[in-house]
Amino acid sequence: MTQEVFSNSSHISQNISQLSHLTPQGEAQMVDVSGKVATVREAVATAKVRMLPETLAAIEAGNAPKGDVLATARLAGIMAAKQTANLIPLCHPLPLQKITVDIKPDGQLPGYQIYATVKTKAETGVEMEALTAVSVAALTLYDMAKALEKSIQIEAISLVSKTGGKSGDYQQF
């Protein structure tokens, strides 16, 4: 289907003009949100970090060689959300009013469930900030615990919910 869509240059311009991050020539661009009204927007993202039960027990007991794994991962997630526009091309820098990163042990996994909530009053949403927060928190958790276990796995990074904006609310099923 891709070849069919792009086989006719006038058809290309028509399809590309409908994509907000592309110019009519197909070049990447930052979306102009200056005409949009600033509204309250919130996004929640999640990630899972799977590990051996012994690794989970060591972290929970505070026996990781690098120190406080969870506090460091939580802080890294918060810092990452604030840097999203510097990390992800075409993301708008946003005034973030709330960032929380919660890391909860999950014996069934075994490992940790990470949740990030990001809130702003702006012209565009904070989904990428929430996703960046959980991603970097998970990577930091790995880094802080890799001396205990190299096979730790980061899984299931996803958007849980978002509110506000033109596209409306979203809730993961």
N, C-alpha and C. Protein backbone atom coordinates (compact mmCIF):
# COMPACT_ATOMS: atom_id res chain seq x y z
N MET A 1 0.82 -1.19 0.00
CA MET A 1 0.00 0.00 0.00
C MET A 1 0.86 1.25 0.00
N THR A 2 2.00 1.23 0.68
CA THR A 2 2.89 2.39 0.73
C THR A 2 3.31 2.83 -0.66
N GLN A 3 3.66 1.89 -1.52
CA GLN A 3 4.08 2.24 -2.87
C GLN A 3 2.93 2.88 -3.63
N GLU A 4 1.70 2.38 -3.44
CA GLU A 4 0.55 2.97 -4.11
C GLU A 4 0.35 4.42 -3.67
N VAL A 5 0.44 4.67 -2.39
CA VAL A 5 0.22 6.01 -1.86
C VAL A 5 1.28 6.97 -2.39
N PHE A 6 2.51 6.53 -2.49
CA PHE A 6 3.59 7.42 -2.88
C PHE A 6 3.94 7.35 -4.37
N SER A 7 3.15 6.66 -5.17
CA SER A 7 3.46 6.57 -6.60
C SER A 7 3.06 7.82 -7.36
N ASN A 8 2.18 8.61 -6.84
CA ASN A 8 1.70 9.82 -7.50
C ASN A 8 2.07 11.03 -6.64
N SER A 9 2.88 11.96 -7.19
CA SER A 9 3.39 13.07 -6.39
C SER A 9 2.29 13.99 -5.89
N SER A 10 1.21 14.19 -6.63
CA SER A 10 0.13 15.04 -6.13
C SER A 10 -0.58 14.35 -4.97
N HIS A 11 -0.64 13.04 -5.04
CA HIS A 11 -1.24 12.27 -3.95
C HIS A 11 -0.38 12.37 -2.69
N ILE A 12 0.94 12.42 -2.89
CA ILE A 12 1.86 12.57 -1.76
C ILE A 12 1.57 13.87 -1.03
N SER A 13 1.52 14.97 -1.75
CA SER A 13 1.28 16.27 -1.12
C SER A 13 -0.04 16.28 -0.37
N GLN A 14 -1.05 15.65 -0.95
CA GLN A 14 -2.35 15.61 -0.29
C GLN A 14 -2.26 14.85 1.02
N ASN A 15 -1.61 13.68 1.04
CA ASN A 15 -1.48 12.89 2.27
C ASN A 15 -0.57 13.56 3.27
N ILE A 16 0.55 14.12 2.81
CA ILE A 16 1.51 14.75 3.71
C ILE A 16 0.91 15.99 4.34
N SER A 17 0.10 16.73 3.61
CA SER A 17 -0.49 17.95 4.18
C SER A 17 -1.40 17.64 5.36
N GLN A 18 -1.85 16.40 5.46
CA GLN A 18 -2.70 16.00 6.58
C GLN A 18 -1.88 15.60 7.81
N LEU A 19 -0.57 15.47 7.66
CA LEU A 19 0.29 15.09 8.78
C LEU A 19 0.90 16.36 9.37
N SER A 20 0.61 16.62 10.62
CA SER A 20 1.00 17.89 11.23
C SER A 20 2.51 18.07 11.40
N HIS A 21 3.26 17.00 11.45
CA HIS A 21 4.70 17.11 11.65
C HIS A 21 5.50 17.10 10.34
N LEU A 22 4.81 17.16 9.21
CA LEU A 22 5.49 17.17 7.91
C LEU A 22 5.04 18.37 7.09
N THR A 23 5.98 18.99 6.38
CA THR A 23 5.64 20.06 5.44
C THR A 23 5.05 19.43 4.19
N PRO A 24 4.47 20.22 3.30
CA PRO A 24 3.97 19.67 2.03
C PRO A 24 5.06 18.98 1.21
N GLN A 25 6.32 19.33 1.47
CA GLN A 25 7.44 18.69 0.78
C GLN A 25 7.92 17.41 1.47
N GLY A 26 7.29 17.06 2.59
CA GLY A 26 7.65 15.85 3.30
C GLY A 26 8.76 16.03 4.32
N GLU A 27 9.10 17.26 4.64
CA GLU A 27 10.17 17.52 5.61
C GLU A 27 9.58 17.61 7.02
N ALA A 28 10.35 17.16 7.99
CA ALA A 28 9.90 17.22 9.38
C ALA A 28 9.83 18.67 9.84
N GLN A 29 8.81 18.97 10.64
CA GLN A 29 8.67 20.31 11.19
C GLN A 29 8.04 20.23 12.57
N MET A 30 8.28 21.24 13.37
CA MET A 30 7.61 21.35 14.66
C MET A 30 6.22 21.94 14.41
N VAL A 31 5.22 21.37 15.03
CA VAL A 31 3.85 21.84 14.85
C VAL A 31 3.69 23.21 15.51
N ASP A 32 3.01 24.11 14.82
CA ASP A 32 2.74 25.44 15.36
C ASP A 32 1.52 25.35 16.28
N VAL A 33 1.74 25.51 17.58
CA VAL A 33 0.64 25.44 18.53
C VAL A 33 0.28 26.83 19.08
N SER A 34 0.85 27.87 18.47
CA SER A 34 0.65 29.23 18.97
C SER A 34 -0.81 29.68 18.93
N GLY A 35 -1.60 29.13 18.05
CA GLY A 35 -3.01 29.49 17.96
C GLY A 35 -3.91 28.70 18.88
N LYS A 36 -3.37 27.72 19.57
CA LYS A 36 -4.18 26.88 20.45
C LYS A 36 -4.31 27.52 21.83
N VAL A 37 -5.39 27.21 22.49
CA VAL A 37 -5.64 27.70 23.85
C VAL A 37 -4.93 26.79 24.84
N ALA A 38 -4.27 27.39 25.81
CA ALA A 38 -3.63 26.61 26.88
C ALA A 38 -4.73 26.01 27.76
N THR A 39 -4.69 24.69 27.93
CA THR A 39 -5.63 24.00 28.81
C THR A 39 -4.86 23.07 29.72
N VAL A 40 -5.50 22.64 30.79
CA VAL A 40 -4.88 21.69 31.71
C VAL A 40 -4.82 20.33 31.03
N ARG A 41 -3.65 19.74 31.05
CA ARG A 41 -3.43 18.43 30.42
C ARG A 41 -2.63 17.56 31.38
N GLU A 42 -2.97 16.29 31.41
CA GLU A 42 -2.28 15.35 32.28
C GLU A 42 -2.11 14.03 31.54
N ALA A 43 -0.98 13.38 31.77
CA ALA A 43 -0.73 12.07 31.17
C ALA A 43 -0.11 11.15 32.22
N VAL A 44 -0.47 9.89 32.13
CA VAL A 44 0.10 8.85 33.00
C VAL A 44 0.68 7.77 32.09
N ALA A 45 1.91 7.38 32.38
CA ALA A 45 2.57 6.31 31.63
C ALA A 45 3.07 5.26 32.61
N THR A 46 3.37 4.08 32.08
CA THR A 46 3.85 2.99 32.92
C THR A 46 4.96 2.21 32.21
N ALA A 47 5.74 1.53 33.01
CA ALA A 47 6.76 0.59 32.51
C ALA A 47 6.90 -0.50 33.56
N LYS A 48 7.38 -1.65 33.10
CA LYS A 48 7.67 -2.77 34.01
C LYS A 48 9.15 -3.06 33.93
N VAL A 49 9.73 -3.39 35.08
CA VAL A 49 11.12 -3.82 35.13
C VAL A 49 11.14 -5.19 35.79
N ARG A 50 11.46 -6.20 35.00
CA ARG A 50 11.42 -7.60 35.45
C ARG A 50 12.83 -8.04 35.88
N MET A 51 12.89 -8.78 36.97
CA MET A 51 14.18 -9.25 37.50
C MET A 51 13.98 -10.54 38.29
N LEU A 52 15.08 -11.13 38.71
CA LEU A 52 15.01 -12.32 39.54
C LEU A 52 14.46 -11.96 40.92
N PRO A 53 13.77 -12.87 41.57
CA PRO A 53 13.26 -12.60 42.92
C PRO A 53 14.36 -12.17 43.89
N GLU A 54 15.56 -12.74 43.72
CA GLU A 54 16.68 -12.39 44.61
C GLU A 54 17.11 -10.94 44.42
N THR A 55 17.05 -10.47 43.19
CA THR A 55 17.41 -9.07 42.91
C THR A 55 16.38 -8.14 43.52
N LEU A 56 15.12 -8.46 43.35
CA LEU A 56 14.05 -7.67 43.95
C LEU A 56 14.22 -7.62 45.47
N ALA A 57 14.49 -8.75 46.07
CA ALA A 57 14.67 -8.81 47.53
C ALA A 57 15.86 -7.96 47.98
N ALA A 58 16.95 -7.99 47.23
CA ALA A 58 18.13 -7.19 47.59
C ALA A 58 17.84 -5.70 47.50
N ILE A 59 17.13 -5.29 46.45
CA ILE A 59 16.78 -3.86 46.31
C ILE A 59 15.85 -3.44 47.43
N GLU A 60 14.86 -4.25 47.70
CA GLU A 60 13.90 -3.93 48.77
C GLU A 60 14.59 -3.86 50.14
N ALA A 61 15.62 -4.67 50.35
CA ALA A 61 16.35 -4.67 51.62
C ALA A 61 17.39 -3.54 51.68
N GLY A 62 17.57 -2.83 50.58
CA GLY A 62 18.57 -1.76 50.55
C GLY A 62 19.98 -2.28 50.38
N ASN A 63 20.12 -3.46 49.78
CA ASN A 63 21.43 -4.10 49.63
C ASN A 63 21.99 -4.01 48.22
N ALA A 64 21.78 -2.90 47.52
CA ALA A 64 22.34 -2.74 46.18
C ALA A 64 23.69 -2.02 46.30
N PRO A 65 24.68 -2.47 45.56
CA PRO A 65 26.02 -1.90 45.68
C PRO A 65 26.11 -0.39 45.37
N LYS A 66 25.23 0.11 44.51
CA LYS A 66 25.31 1.52 44.11
C LYS A 66 24.50 2.45 45.01
N GLY A 67 23.79 1.92 45.98
CA GLY A 67 23.02 2.78 46.88
C GLY A 67 21.52 2.65 46.68
N ASP A 68 20.80 3.73 46.94
CA ASP A 68 19.34 3.73 46.94
C ASP A 68 18.82 3.70 45.51
N VAL A 69 18.51 2.51 45.04
CA VAL A 69 18.08 2.28 43.67
C VAL A 69 16.81 3.04 43.34
N LEU A 70 15.81 2.92 44.19
CA LEU A 70 14.50 3.48 43.89
C LEU A 70 14.47 5.00 43.95
N ALA A 71 15.13 5.59 44.94
CA ALA A 71 15.18 7.06 45.03
C ALA A 71 15.91 7.64 43.82
N THR A 72 16.98 6.99 43.42
CA THR A 72 17.75 7.48 42.27
C THR A 72 16.93 7.36 40.99
N ALA A 73 16.24 6.24 40.80
CA ALA A 73 15.42 6.04 39.62
C ALA A 73 14.26 7.03 39.58
N ARG A 74 13.65 7.27 40.73
CA ARG A 74 12.54 8.23 40.81
C ARG A 74 13.01 9.63 40.41
N LEU A 75 14.12 10.06 40.96
CA LEU A 75 14.67 11.37 40.64
C LEU A 75 15.06 11.47 39.17
N ALA A 76 15.64 10.42 38.62
CA ALA A 76 16.02 10.40 37.20
C ALA A 76 14.79 10.54 36.31
N GLY A 77 13.70 9.89 36.68
CA GLY A 77 12.46 10.00 35.90
C GLY A 77 11.91 11.42 35.90
N ILE A 78 11.93 12.06 37.06
CA ILE A 78 11.46 13.45 37.16
C ILE A 78 12.35 14.36 36.31
N MET A 79 13.65 14.21 36.44
CA MET A 79 14.58 15.03 35.66
C MET A 79 14.40 14.79 34.16
N ALA A 80 14.16 13.56 33.76
CA ALA A 80 13.99 13.23 32.34
C ALA A 80 12.75 13.89 31.76
N ALA A 81 11.65 13.88 32.50
CA ALA A 81 10.43 14.51 32.01
C ALA A 81 10.69 15.98 31.69
N LYS A 82 11.48 16.63 32.52
CA LYS A 82 11.80 18.05 32.31
C LYS A 82 12.70 18.28 31.11
N GLN A 83 13.36 17.24 30.62
CA GLN A 83 14.29 17.36 29.49
C GLN A 83 13.74 16.77 28.19
N THR A 84 12.48 16.40 28.16
CA THR A 84 11.92 15.71 27.01
C THR A 84 12.13 16.47 25.70
N ALA A 85 11.91 17.76 25.69
CA ALA A 85 12.07 18.54 24.46
C ALA A 85 13.51 18.52 23.95
N ASN A 86 14.47 18.28 24.83
CA ASN A 86 15.87 18.18 24.43
C ASN A 86 16.23 16.78 23.91
N LEU A 87 15.39 15.81 24.21
CA LEU A 87 15.66 14.42 23.85
C LEU A 87 14.89 13.93 22.63
N ILE A 88 13.66 14.39 22.48
CA ILE A 88 12.77 13.91 21.43
C ILE A 88 12.60 15.01 20.39
N PRO A 89 13.04 14.77 19.17
CA PRO A 89 12.90 15.82 18.14
C PRO A 89 11.44 16.24 17.96
N LEU A 90 11.25 17.52 17.78
CA LEU A 90 9.96 18.14 17.48
C LEU A 90 9.03 18.25 18.68
N CYS A 91 9.46 17.82 19.88
CA CYS A 91 8.64 18.03 21.07
C CYS A 91 8.77 19.48 21.52
N HIS A 92 7.66 20.03 21.98
CA HIS A 92 7.67 21.41 22.48
C HIS A 92 8.17 21.43 23.92
N PRO A 93 9.00 22.42 24.27
CA PRO A 93 9.34 22.59 25.69
C PRO A 93 8.09 23.08 26.42
N LEU A 94 7.75 22.45 27.52
CA LEU A 94 6.51 22.77 28.22
C LEU A 94 6.77 23.15 29.66
N PRO A 95 5.92 24.03 30.19
CA PRO A 95 6.00 24.35 31.62
C PRO A 95 5.30 23.25 32.41
N LEU A 96 6.06 22.41 33.05
CA LEU A 96 5.47 21.28 33.77
C LEU A 96 5.15 21.69 35.20
N GLN A 97 3.90 21.55 35.59
CA GLN A 97 3.48 21.93 36.94
C GLN A 97 3.52 20.77 37.93
N LYS A 98 3.48 19.54 37.41
CA LYS A 98 3.48 18.39 38.31
C LYS A 98 4.17 17.22 37.62
N ILE A 99 5.08 16.59 38.32
CA ILE A 99 5.70 15.34 37.84
C ILE A 99 5.82 14.43 39.06
N THR A 100 5.21 13.27 38.97
CA THR A 100 5.42 12.26 40.01
C THR A 100 5.87 10.98 39.34
N VAL A 101 6.78 10.30 39.98
CA VAL A 101 7.23 8.98 39.53
C VAL A 101 7.10 8.04 40.73
N ASP A 102 6.26 7.04 40.57
CA ASP A 102 6.03 6.05 41.62
C ASP A 102 6.59 4.71 41.14
N ILE A 103 7.36 4.08 42.01
CA ILE A 103 7.96 2.78 41.70
C ILE A 103 7.49 1.79 42.75
N LYS A 104 6.72 0.81 42.31
CA LYS A 104 6.11 -0.14 43.25
C LYS A 104 6.63 -1.54 43.01
N PRO A 105 7.04 -2.23 44.09
CA PRO A 105 7.47 -3.62 43.92
C PRO A 105 6.30 -4.51 43.52
N ASP A 106 6.60 -5.49 42.70
CA ASP A 106 5.58 -6.43 42.24
C ASP A 106 6.18 -7.83 42.30
N GLY A 107 5.82 -8.58 43.34
CA GLY A 107 6.35 -9.92 43.52
C GLY A 107 5.90 -10.90 42.45
N GLN A 108 4.76 -10.64 41.83
CA GLN A 108 4.27 -11.53 40.76
C GLN A 108 5.10 -11.39 39.49
N LEU A 109 5.69 -10.22 39.25
CA LEU A 109 6.45 -9.97 38.02
C LEU A 109 7.66 -10.90 37.93
N PRO A 110 8.53 -11.09 38.78
CA PRO A 110 8.90 -10.19 39.88
C PRO A 110 9.67 -8.98 39.35
N GLY A 111 9.55 -7.89 40.07
CA GLY A 111 10.23 -6.66 39.68
C GLY A 111 9.47 -5.45 40.17
N TYR A 112 9.44 -4.43 39.31
CA TYR A 112 8.82 -3.16 39.68
C TYR A 112 7.90 -2.66 38.59
N GLN A 113 6.81 -2.04 39.03
CA GLN A 113 5.91 -1.29 38.16
C GLN A 113 6.26 0.18 38.38
N ILE A 114 6.50 0.89 37.28
CA ILE A 114 6.82 2.32 37.37
C ILE A 114 5.67 3.09 36.75
N TYR A 115 5.22 4.13 37.43
CA TYR A 115 4.17 5.02 36.94
C TYR A 115 4.67 6.45 37.01
N ALA A 116 4.42 7.21 35.95
CA ALA A 116 4.74 8.64 35.95
C ALA A 116 3.47 9.40 35.61
N THR A 117 3.24 10.47 36.35
CA THR A 117 2.13 11.38 36.07
C THR A 117 2.73 12.74 35.83
N VAL A 118 2.36 13.34 34.70
CA VAL A 118 2.87 14.67 34.34
C VAL A 118 1.68 15.55 34.03
N LYS A 119 1.73 16.79 34.55
CA LYS A 119 0.61 17.72 34.37
C LYS A 119 1.14 19.10 33.97
N THR A 120 0.38 19.75 33.11
CA THR A 120 0.74 21.10 32.65
C THR A 120 -0.53 21.87 32.33
N LYS A 121 -0.37 23.17 32.14
CA LYS A 121 -1.39 24.00 31.51
C LYS A 121 -0.68 24.59 30.30
N ALA A 122 -0.97 24.04 29.12
CA ALA A 122 -0.24 24.43 27.92
C ALA A 122 -1.08 24.17 26.68
N GLU A 123 -0.49 24.46 25.52
CA GLU A 123 -1.16 24.31 24.23
C GLU A 123 -1.03 22.91 23.64
N THR A 124 -0.23 22.08 24.25
CA THR A 124 -0.04 20.71 23.75
C THR A 124 0.15 19.77 24.94
N GLY A 125 -0.01 18.49 24.70
CA GLY A 125 -0.05 17.49 25.77
C GLY A 125 1.29 17.06 26.31
N VAL A 126 1.25 16.25 27.35
CA VAL A 126 2.44 15.80 28.07
C VAL A 126 2.65 14.29 28.02
N GLU A 127 2.10 13.65 26.98
CA GLU A 127 2.28 12.20 26.86
C GLU A 127 3.76 11.83 26.75
N MET A 128 4.50 12.57 25.93
CA MET A 128 5.91 12.24 25.73
C MET A 128 6.72 12.44 27.00
N GLU A 129 6.35 13.43 27.80
CA GLU A 129 7.04 13.66 29.07
C GLU A 129 6.81 12.51 30.04
N ALA A 130 5.57 12.01 30.11
CA ALA A 130 5.28 10.87 30.99
C ALA A 130 6.00 9.61 30.51
N LEU A 131 5.99 9.38 29.19
CA LEU A 131 6.68 8.20 28.64
C LEU A 131 8.19 8.30 28.83
N THR A 132 8.74 9.49 28.68
CA THR A 132 10.17 9.69 28.91
C THR A 132 10.52 9.44 30.37
N ALA A 133 9.67 9.91 31.26
CA ALA A 133 9.92 9.73 32.70
C ALA A 133 10.01 8.25 33.08
N VAL A 134 9.04 7.44 32.62
CA VAL A 134 9.08 6.02 32.99
C VAL A 134 10.24 5.29 32.31
N SER A 135 10.56 5.71 31.09
CA SER A 135 11.67 5.07 30.36
C SER A 135 13.00 5.31 31.06
N VAL A 136 13.26 6.54 31.43
CA VAL A 136 14.54 6.86 32.08
C VAL A 136 14.57 6.32 33.51
N ALA A 137 13.44 6.33 34.19
CA ALA A 137 13.40 5.71 35.53
C ALA A 137 13.74 4.23 35.43
N ALA A 138 13.19 3.55 34.43
CA ALA A 138 13.47 2.12 34.24
C ALA A 138 14.94 1.89 33.89
N LEU A 139 15.48 2.71 33.01
CA LEU A 139 16.90 2.59 32.65
C LEU A 139 17.80 2.84 33.86
N THR A 140 17.43 3.79 34.68
CA THR A 140 18.22 4.09 35.88
C THR A 140 18.13 2.95 36.89
N LEU A 141 16.94 2.39 37.03
CA LEU A 141 16.79 1.23 37.92
C LEU A 141 17.72 0.11 37.45
N TYR A 142 17.74 -0.13 36.14
CA TYR A 142 18.65 -1.14 35.59
C TYR A 142 20.10 -0.79 35.93
N ASP A 143 20.49 0.44 35.68
CA ASP A 143 21.87 0.85 35.92
C ASP A 143 22.25 0.69 37.39
N MET A 144 21.36 1.05 38.28
CA MET A 144 21.65 0.96 39.71
C MET A 144 21.70 -0.48 40.21
N ALA A 145 21.03 -1.40 39.50
CA ALA A 145 20.95 -2.79 39.97
C ALA A 145 21.72 -3.78 39.11
N LYS A 146 22.38 -3.31 38.06
CA LYS A 146 23.04 -4.25 37.14
C LYS A 146 24.18 -5.03 37.79
N ALA A 147 24.75 -4.53 38.87
CA ALA A 147 25.77 -5.30 39.58
C ALA A 147 25.17 -6.54 40.25
N LEU A 148 23.87 -6.48 40.54
CA LEU A 148 23.17 -7.62 41.12
C LEU A 148 22.71 -8.62 40.06
N GLU A 149 22.34 -8.08 38.88
CA GLU A 149 21.80 -8.93 37.82
C GLU A 149 21.89 -8.21 36.48
N LYS A 150 22.49 -8.85 35.52
CA LYS A 150 22.61 -8.26 34.17
C LYS A 150 21.37 -8.53 33.31
N SER A 151 20.56 -9.52 33.67
CA SER A 151 19.44 -9.93 32.82
C SER A 151 18.13 -9.21 33.14
N ILE A 152 18.18 -8.13 33.89
CA ILE A 152 16.98 -7.33 34.17
C ILE A 152 16.37 -6.90 32.84
N GLN A 153 15.04 -6.96 32.76
CA GLN A 153 14.35 -6.60 31.52
C GLN A 153 13.40 -5.43 31.73
N ILE A 154 13.43 -4.49 30.80
CA ILE A 154 12.50 -3.36 30.79
C ILE A 154 11.42 -3.70 29.78
N GLU A 155 10.15 -3.63 30.21
CA GLU A 155 9.04 -4.08 29.37
C GLU A 155 7.86 -3.13 29.43
N ALA A 156 7.00 -3.26 28.44
CA ALA A 156 5.65 -2.70 28.46
C ALA A 156 5.59 -1.21 28.79
N ILE A 157 6.41 -0.42 28.14
CA ILE A 157 6.32 1.03 28.30
C ILE A 157 5.09 1.48 27.51
N SER A 158 4.16 2.13 28.19
CA SER A 158 2.94 2.54 27.50
C SER A 158 2.25 3.71 28.18
N LEU A 159 1.41 4.37 27.40
CA LEU A 159 0.57 5.44 27.91
C LEU A 159 -0.65 4.80 28.57
N VAL A 160 -0.91 5.16 29.81
CA VAL A 160 -2.06 4.63 30.55
C VAL A 160 -3.27 5.51 30.31
N SER A 161 -3.07 6.83 30.38
CA SER A 161 -4.19 7.75 30.19
C SER A 161 -3.67 9.14 29.86
N LYS A 162 -4.56 9.94 29.29
CA LYS A 162 -4.28 11.35 29.08
C LYS A 162 -5.59 12.09 29.11
N THR A 163 -5.54 13.31 29.60
CA THR A 163 -6.72 14.17 29.63
C THR A 163 -6.35 15.52 29.03
N GLY A 164 -7.37 16.18 28.50
CA GLY A 164 -7.20 17.51 27.93
C GLY A 164 -6.83 17.49 26.47
N GLY A 165 -7.00 18.63 25.84
CA GLY A 165 -6.60 18.77 24.45
C GLY A 165 -7.70 18.45 23.46
N LYS A 166 -7.42 18.80 22.21
CA LYS A 166 -8.38 18.65 21.11
C LYS A 166 -8.78 17.20 20.87
N SER A 167 -7.83 16.28 21.02
CA SER A 167 -8.14 14.88 20.73
C SER A 167 -8.93 14.20 21.85
N GLY A 168 -9.12 14.89 22.96
CA GLY A 168 -9.94 14.36 24.04
C GLY A 168 -9.17 13.44 24.97
N ASP A 169 -9.91 12.80 25.83
CA ASP A 169 -9.32 11.94 26.84
C ASP A 169 -9.03 10.55 26.25
N TYR A 170 -8.04 9.89 26.86
CA TYR A 170 -7.69 8.54 26.46
C TYR A 170 -7.46 7.72 27.72
N GLN A 171 -7.94 6.50 27.72
CA GLN A 171 -7.74 5.57 28.83
C GLN A 171 -7.37 4.22 28.24
N GLN A 172 -6.20 3.68 28.65
CA GLN A 172 -5.80 2.35 28.20
C GLN A 172 -6.82 1.34 28.70
N PHE A 173 -7.15 0.39 27.86
CA PHE A 173 -8.15 -0.60 28.29
C PHE A 173 -7.54 -1.69 29.09
